[in-house]
């Protein structure tokens, strides 16, 4: 009864936040763009206090560019396109500035070169010119040299500032790239990064090396969220991520690809090796204790269901993912956590099954 009441309470809380988002945006006159909904949901849910304070400081009737600046600052996914446009504009301005400076510098060098040529021609064609004439020419040339030196120094400053600006833009691009390919809760690669990894496993339909894909569902995580709220799920995920990292080799790969779903790529392994690694990860996860809200002495454990497919049995990344997903579905249909390696007899006639809770 208590769990049901808590579940209903969490659903009511989420519904209240969504309603408050719509009401707040309407009251402030904020445009109903999807990215604005994302920003105000993050602000009103309280998951990111600095972002909440930034939105509160906007006041009534904020400008869209003010909203977008906050979304870019906190790397919200809905604002990625806006951030990319801003970076492109900054880059264009930097290149335009250096182009103008370079054009101006070249023009002034041409003027200086013309003065030098004129002076040399005068010396060659009129060797008996008066000292006063020579002194006047030399003075003009000296002044031109001084101007040229100042212009060169100014150009060097522009170059330095532009290089610094481009370095900052490069840093922005790297930050945006990381934000676009990283899960914000766990810090692990996300589904976009996973898709790129999956594609890299094949070259013209052939596996580039012995590798295995393991798709994992964290059993009990969704139910935990329904009963105890998103904050508890986030706490659990932050505990799981380091466990996943430390149980795989340095050149292996792990990504969060869904609410309770993760993907592992194991390199240089056989099916038996991949299964053993999956079992080790499962054992590690079962040792994680997640504290529950308002229950000082109560914790909850989680378990994993895993479907494995070998790269050499698939014709490409999509096929490999499908095989691993079929194996995972077969495991979960049994009703108990476990590990299954894909085989031709996957439709209920499994080839390898590991279910540590079967006893």
Protein backbone atom coordinates (compact mmCIF):
# COMPACT_ATOMS: atom_id res chain seq x y z
CA UNK A 1 0.00 0.00 0.00
CA UNK A 2 2.82 2.38 0.92
CA UNK A 3 4.65 1.69 -2.38
CA UNK A 4 1.45 2.28 -4.37
CA UNK A 5 0.83 5.58 -2.61
CA UNK A 6 4.44 6.65 -3.28
CA UNK A 7 4.13 5.62 -6.94
CA UNK A 8 0.90 7.62 -7.31
CA UNK A 9 2.57 10.54 -5.55
CA UNK A 10 5.51 10.55 -7.98
CA UNK A 11 3.18 10.44 -10.98
CA UNK A 12 1.18 13.32 -9.55
CA UNK A 13 4.41 15.24 -8.93
CA UNK A 14 5.57 14.81 -12.54
CA UNK A 15 2.15 15.84 -13.84
CA UNK A 16 2.24 18.90 -11.60
CA UNK A 17 5.68 19.88 -12.94
CA UNK A 18 4.48 19.58 -16.56
CA UNK A 19 1.43 21.70 -15.80
CA UNK A 20 3.59 24.27 -14.03
CA UNK A 21 5.95 24.41 -17.03
CA UNK A 22 3.08 25.23 -19.39
CA UNK A 23 1.60 27.80 -16.99
CA UNK A 24 4.96 29.47 -16.32
CA UNK A 25 5.84 29.76 -20.00
CA UNK A 26 2.42 31.20 -20.79
CA UNK A 27 2.67 33.71 -17.93
CA UNK A 28 6.15 34.87 -19.02
CA UNK A 29 5.19 35.03 -22.70
CA UNK A 30 7.78 32.43 -23.69
CA UNK A 31 7.38 30.93 -27.18
CA UNK A 32 6.13 27.34 -27.20
CA UNK A 33 9.26 25.89 -28.82
CA UNK A 34 10.17 22.32 -27.81
CA UNK A 35 13.60 23.49 -26.64
CA UNK A 36 11.96 26.08 -24.36
CA UNK A 37 9.80 23.37 -22.79
CA UNK A 38 12.95 21.35 -22.15
CA UNK A 39 14.65 24.32 -20.48
CA UNK A 40 11.73 25.21 -18.21
CA UNK A 41 11.12 21.58 -17.29
CA UNK A 42 14.75 21.27 -16.19
CA UNK A 43 14.45 24.52 -14.25
CA UNK A 44 11.18 23.69 -12.49
CA UNK A 45 12.02 20.05 -11.74
CA UNK A 46 14.86 21.24 -9.50
CA UNK A 47 17.37 18.73 -10.89
CA UNK A 48 19.84 21.50 -11.77
CA UNK A 49 19.82 24.30 -9.15
CA UNK A 50 22.21 26.67 -11.04
CA UNK A 51 20.00 26.41 -14.14
CA UNK A 52 16.92 27.03 -11.99
CA UNK A 53 18.49 30.22 -10.62
CA UNK A 54 19.48 31.37 -14.12
CA UNK A 55 15.90 30.95 -15.39
CA UNK A 56 14.47 32.69 -12.31
CA UNK A 57 16.74 35.68 -13.00
CA UNK A 58 15.20 36.16 -16.46
CA UNK A 59 12.20 38.00 -15.07
CA UNK A 60 9.00 38.67 -16.99
CA UNK A 61 8.86 38.48 -20.80
CA UNK A 62 12.44 37.29 -21.42
CA UNK A 63 13.88 37.58 -24.90
CA UNK A 64 14.35 34.35 -26.84
CA UNK A 65 18.09 34.96 -27.18
CA UNK A 66 18.33 35.18 -23.35
CA UNK A 67 16.61 31.81 -23.06
CA UNK A 68 18.86 30.34 -25.73
CA UNK A 69 21.97 31.60 -23.96
CA UNK A 70 20.96 29.64 -20.84
CA UNK A 71 20.19 26.53 -22.89
CA UNK A 72 23.59 26.76 -24.57
CA UNK A 73 25.42 27.41 -21.28
CA UNK A 74 23.95 24.26 -19.73
CA UNK A 75 24.31 22.20 -22.94
CA UNK A 76 20.69 21.12 -23.20
CA UNK A 77 20.19 18.84 -26.20
CA UNK A 78 17.37 20.93 -27.65
CA UNK A 79 19.70 23.93 -27.97
CA UNK A 80 22.49 22.07 -29.82
CA UNK A 81 21.45 23.49 -33.21
CA UNK A 82 21.32 27.03 -31.78
CA UNK A 83 24.77 26.55 -30.26
CA UNK A 84 26.13 25.26 -33.57
CA UNK A 85 24.76 28.32 -35.37
CA UNK A 86 26.40 30.61 -32.77
CA UNK A 87 29.74 28.84 -33.22
CA UNK A 88 29.50 29.13 -37.00
CA UNK A 89 28.76 32.86 -36.68
CA UNK A 90 31.71 33.39 -34.31
CA UNK A 91 33.99 31.51 -36.68
CA UNK A 92 32.80 33.54 -39.67
CA UNK A 93 33.40 36.81 -37.80
CA UNK A 94 36.92 35.74 -36.76
CA UNK A 95 37.84 34.70 -40.29
CA UNK A 96 36.32 37.90 -41.71
CA UNK A 97 38.33 40.04 -39.27
CA UNK A 98 41.63 38.38 -40.11
CA UNK A 99 40.81 38.53 -43.84
CA UNK A 100 40.25 42.31 -43.64
CA UNK A 101 43.40 42.77 -41.55
CA UNK A 102 45.45 40.72 -44.00
CA UNK A 103 44.06 42.60 -47.03
CA UNK A 104 44.82 45.94 -45.37
CA UNK A 105 48.32 44.80 -44.42
CA UNK A 106 49.08 43.62 -47.96
CA UNK A 107 47.88 46.94 -49.40
CA UNK A 108 50.12 48.91 -47.04
CA UNK A 109 53.07 46.66 -47.84
CA UNK A 110 52.49 47.35 -51.52
CA UNK A 111 52.56 51.12 -50.85
CA UNK A 112 55.77 50.76 -48.85
CA UNK A 113 57.34 48.60 -51.56
CA UNK A 114 56.43 51.21 -54.17
CA UNK A 115 58.16 53.94 -52.10
CA UNK A 116 61.30 51.80 -51.82
CA UNK A 117 61.32 51.16 -55.55
CA UNK A 118 60.89 54.87 -56.24
CA UNK A 119 63.74 55.78 -53.90
CA UNK A 120 66.07 53.19 -55.44
CA UNK A 121 65.13 54.38 -58.95
CA UNK A 122 65.91 57.98 -58.00
CA UNK A 123 69.32 56.95 -56.69
CA UNK A 124 70.08 55.02 -59.86
CA UNK A 125 68.84 57.59 -62.41
CA UNK A 126 69.91 60.78 -60.66
CA UNK A 127 73.24 60.09 -58.88
CA UNK A 128 74.06 63.79 -58.66
CA UNK A 129 70.81 64.80 -56.89
CA UNK A 130 71.23 67.50 -54.30
CA UNK A 131 71.74 66.62 -50.69
CA UNK A 132 68.52 68.40 -49.73
CA UNK A 133 66.51 66.33 -52.21
CA UNK A 134 68.15 63.14 -50.96
CA UNK A 135 67.49 64.12 -47.34
CA UNK A 136 63.80 64.76 -48.09
CA UNK A 137 63.41 61.37 -49.79
CA UNK A 138 65.21 59.64 -46.92
CA UNK A 139 62.99 61.38 -44.34
CA UNK A 140 59.82 60.28 -46.16
CA UNK A 141 61.19 56.75 -46.36
CA UNK A 142 62.08 56.81 -42.65
CA UNK A 143 58.52 57.94 -41.79
CA UNK A 144 57.14 55.21 -44.01
CA UNK A 145 59.28 52.62 -42.19
CA UNK A 146 57.92 53.85 -38.83
CA UNK A 147 54.34 53.59 -40.10
CA UNK A 148 55.05 50.16 -41.55
CA UNK A 149 56.44 48.93 -38.21
CA UNK A 150 53.36 50.18 -36.35
CA UNK A 151 51.05 48.52 -38.86
CA UNK A 152 52.96 45.26 -38.62
CA UNK A 153 52.68 45.31 -34.83
CA UNK A 154 48.96 46.03 -35.07
CA UNK A 155 48.53 43.18 -37.53
CA UNK A 156 50.43 40.85 -35.19
CA UNK A 157 48.02 41.82 -32.40
CA UNK A 158 45.04 41.07 -34.64
CA UNK A 159 46.56 37.73 -35.57
CA UNK A 160 47.16 36.82 -31.92
CA UNK A 161 43.63 37.83 -30.92
CA UNK A 162 42.14 35.87 -33.80
CA UNK A 163 44.17 32.77 -32.97
CA UNK A 164 42.97 33.05 -29.36
CA UNK A 165 39.39 33.47 -30.52
CA UNK A 166 39.62 30.48 -32.86
CA UNK A 167 41.10 28.47 -29.99
CA UNK A 168 38.08 29.39 -27.89
CA UNK A 169 35.76 28.37 -30.72
CA UNK A 170 37.60 25.05 -31.00
CA UNK A 171 37.05 24.55 -27.28
CA UNK A 172 33.35 25.35 -27.70
CA UNK A 173 33.07 22.80 -30.50
CA UNK A 174 34.75 20.14 -28.36
CA UNK A 175 32.45 20.93 -25.43
CA UNK A 176 29.42 20.74 -27.69
CA UNK A 177 30.66 17.49 -29.20
CA UNK A 178 31.08 15.95 -25.77
CA UNK A 179 27.67 17.20 -24.68
CA UNK A 180 26.12 15.73 -27.82
CA UNK A 181 27.73 12.32 -27.35
CA UNK A 182 27.66 11.98 -23.54
CA UNK A 183 24.85 10.95 -21.23
CA UNK A 184 24.46 13.85 -18.76
CA UNK A 185 23.61 11.62 -15.78
CA UNK A 186 26.30 8.93 -15.98
CA UNK A 187 28.94 10.70 -18.06
CA UNK A 188 29.07 7.61 -20.30
CA UNK A 189 28.77 7.80 -24.10
CA UNK A 190 25.15 8.04 -25.27
CA UNK A 191 23.21 6.43 -28.10
CA UNK A 192 24.73 8.75 -30.72
CA UNK A 193 28.25 7.70 -29.71
CA UNK A 194 27.13 4.07 -29.58
CA UNK A 195 25.79 4.24 -33.16
CA UNK A 196 29.16 5.54 -34.36
CA UNK A 197 30.95 2.77 -32.47
CA UNK A 198 28.67 0.12 -33.96
CA UNK A 199 29.33 1.40 -37.49
CA UNK A 200 33.10 1.33 -36.89
CA UNK A 201 32.98 -2.41 -36.11
CA UNK A 202 32.43 -3.20 -39.79
CA UNK A 203 34.13 -2.45 -43.08
CA UNK A 204 32.19 -3.34 -46.24
CA UNK A 205 29.99 -5.75 -44.29
CA UNK A 206 32.89 -7.55 -42.62
CA UNK A 207 33.83 -7.34 -38.97
CA UNK A 208 37.08 -5.42 -38.47
CA UNK A 209 38.06 -7.79 -35.64
CA UNK A 210 36.73 -10.24 -33.05
CA UNK A 211 34.20 -8.33 -30.97
CA UNK A 212 30.97 -8.83 -29.07
CA UNK A 213 27.99 -6.57 -28.43
CA UNK A 214 26.18 -6.95 -25.11
CA UNK A 215 22.84 -5.18 -24.65
CA UNK A 216 21.89 -4.81 -21.00
CA UNK A 217 18.65 -3.98 -19.21
CA UNK A 218 18.96 -2.93 -15.55
CA UNK A 219 16.12 -4.87 -13.99
CA UNK A 220 14.18 -2.99 -11.33
CA UNK A 221 15.36 0.48 -12.36
CA UNK A 222 12.10 1.60 -13.96
CA UNK A 223 10.10 0.31 -11.02
CA UNK A 224 12.46 2.17 -8.69
CA UNK A 225 11.71 5.39 -10.55
CA UNK A 226 7.95 4.82 -10.44
CA UNK A 227 8.01 4.18 -6.69
CA UNK A 228 10.72 6.52 -5.46
CA UNK A 229 11.13 9.20 -8.12
CA UNK A 230 13.66 10.31 -10.72
CA UNK A 231 16.22 11.45 -8.13
CA UNK A 232 16.59 7.90 -6.81
CA UNK A 233 17.06 6.55 -10.34
CA UNK A 234 19.72 9.18 -11.00
CA UNK A 235 21.50 8.18 -7.79
CA UNK A 236 21.42 4.52 -8.87
CA UNK A 237 22.75 5.32 -12.35
CA UNK A 238 25.64 7.32 -10.89
CA UNK A 239 26.57 4.28 -8.81
CA UNK A 240 26.28 1.87 -11.74
CA UNK A 241 28.43 3.89 -14.18
CA UNK A 242 31.76 3.43 -12.32
CA UNK A 243 30.97 -0.26 -11.82
CA UNK A 244 30.54 -0.65 -15.56
CA UNK A 245 33.77 1.22 -16.29
CA UNK A 246 35.94 -0.77 -13.91
CA UNK A 247 34.69 -4.21 -15.00
CA UNK A 248 35.71 -3.85 -18.68
CA UNK A 249 39.05 -3.51 -20.44
CA UNK A 250 40.47 -0.10 -21.33
CA UNK A 251 39.77 -0.52 -25.06
CA UNK A 252 36.21 -1.79 -24.49
CA UNK A 253 33.18 0.48 -24.76
CA UNK A 254 30.07 1.10 -22.67
CA UNK A 255 27.21 3.51 -23.38
CA UNK A 256 23.85 4.37 -21.90
CA UNK A 257 21.32 4.00 -24.73
CA UNK A 258 18.01 4.22 -22.85
CA UNK A 259 16.42 4.88 -19.47
CA UNK A 260 17.49 1.49 -18.12
CA UNK A 261 19.47 0.20 -21.10
CA UNK A 262 23.22 0.02 -21.68
CA UNK A 263 25.39 -1.33 -24.48
CA UNK A 264 28.87 -2.85 -24.14
CA UNK A 265 31.34 -3.61 -26.92
CA UNK A 266 34.02 -6.12 -25.94
CA UNK A 267 37.04 -6.36 -28.24
CA UNK A 268 39.21 -9.43 -28.93
CA UNK A 269 36.83 -11.88 -27.28
CA UNK A 270 35.17 -15.19 -28.02
CA UNK A 271 31.53 -15.91 -27.15
CA UNK A 272 32.66 -17.62 -23.94
CA UNK A 273 34.84 -14.64 -23.01
CA UNK A 274 31.96 -12.20 -23.65
CA UNK A 275 29.59 -14.28 -21.53
CA UNK A 276 32.11 -14.43 -18.69
CA UNK A 277 32.59 -10.65 -18.80
CA UNK A 278 28.81 -10.12 -18.76
CA UNK A 279 28.49 -12.38 -15.72
CA UNK A 280 31.25 -10.45 -13.97
CA UNK A 281 29.47 -7.16 -14.64
CA UNK A 282 26.22 -8.64 -13.34
CA UNK A 283 27.89 -9.78 -10.12
CA UNK A 284 29.41 -6.32 -9.65
CA UNK A 285 26.03 -4.63 -10.11
CA UNK A 286 24.32 -6.94 -7.65
CA UNK A 287 26.69 -5.66 -4.98
CA UNK A 288 25.56 -2.05 -5.43
CA UNK A 289 23.27 -0.79 -2.66
CA UNK A 290 20.92 2.07 -3.56
CA UNK A 291 19.56 4.07 -0.62
CA UNK A 292 15.83 4.77 -0.78
CA UNK A 293 14.33 8.15 0.15
CA UNK A 294 12.89 8.52 3.64
CA UNK A 295 14.11 5.04 4.56
CA UNK A 296 17.25 5.39 6.64
CA UNK A 297 18.00 1.68 6.92
CA UNK A 298 16.53 0.38 3.65
CA UNK A 299 18.46 -0.13 0.43
CA UNK A 300 17.63 -1.79 -2.86
CA UNK A 301 19.75 -3.87 -5.20
CA UNK A 302 19.48 -4.22 -8.97
CA UNK A 303 20.25 -6.98 -11.46
CA UNK A 304 21.02 -7.26 -15.15
CA UNK A 305 19.57 -9.09 -18.13
CA UNK A 306 22.03 -9.33 -21.02
CA UNK A 307 21.80 -10.33 -24.66
CA UNK A 308 25.08 -10.94 -26.51
CA UNK A 309 25.88 -11.16 -30.23
CA UNK A 310 29.22 -11.77 -31.91
CA UNK A 311 30.42 -9.40 -34.63
CA UNK A 312 31.49 -12.16 -37.03
CA UNK A 313 27.96 -13.67 -37.10
CA UNK A 314 26.37 -10.42 -38.28
CA UNK A 315 26.47 -8.64 -41.64
CA UNK A 316 26.79 -5.15 -40.14
CA UNK A 317 26.03 -2.94 -37.18
CA UNK A 318 22.24 -3.04 -37.56
CA UNK A 319 22.25 -6.82 -37.86
CA UNK A 320 24.53 -7.15 -34.82
CA UNK A 321 22.23 -4.93 -32.75
CA UNK A 322 19.18 -6.93 -33.84
CA UNK A 323 20.81 -10.22 -32.82
CA UNK A 324 21.80 -8.88 -29.40
CA UNK A 325 18.32 -7.44 -28.91
CA UNK A 326 16.68 -10.78 -29.78
CA UNK A 327 18.93 -12.53 -27.28
CA UNK A 328 18.02 -9.94 -24.62
CA UNK A 329 14.30 -10.37 -25.29
CA UNK A 330 14.67 -14.12 -24.96
CA UNK A 331 16.33 -13.70 -21.57
CA UNK A 332 13.69 -11.32 -20.27
CA UNK A 333 10.82 -13.49 -21.51
CA UNK A 334 11.99 -16.11 -19.02
CA UNK A 335 11.12 -13.79 -16.15
CA UNK A 336 14.53 -13.95 -14.44
CA UNK A 337 17.72 -11.96 -14.93
CA UNK A 338 20.37 -13.77 -16.92
CA UNK A 339 22.72 -13.78 -19.92
CA UNK A 340 22.12 -15.26 -23.34
CA UNK A 341 24.40 -15.50 -26.38
CA UNK A 342 22.59 -15.24 -29.71
CA UNK A 343 22.27 -18.41 -31.78
CA UNK A 344 20.25 -19.65 -34.75
CA UNK A 345 17.87 -21.31 -32.33
CA UNK A 346 17.13 -18.09 -30.50
CA UNK A 347 13.36 -18.36 -30.81
CA UNK A 348 12.88 -19.93 -27.42
CA UNK A 349 15.41 -22.71 -28.00
CA UNK A 350 18.42 -20.99 -26.52
CA UNK A 351 21.95 -22.21 -26.95
CA UNK A 352 23.59 -20.65 -23.90
CA UNK A 353 21.78 -19.38 -20.86
CA UNK A 354 23.10 -18.10 -17.57
CA UNK A 355 20.56 -17.36 -14.86
CA UNK A 356 22.19 -16.91 -11.46
CA UNK A 357 18.84 -16.56 -9.69
CA UNK A 358 17.38 -19.78 -11.12
CA UNK A 359 18.21 -21.84 -8.08
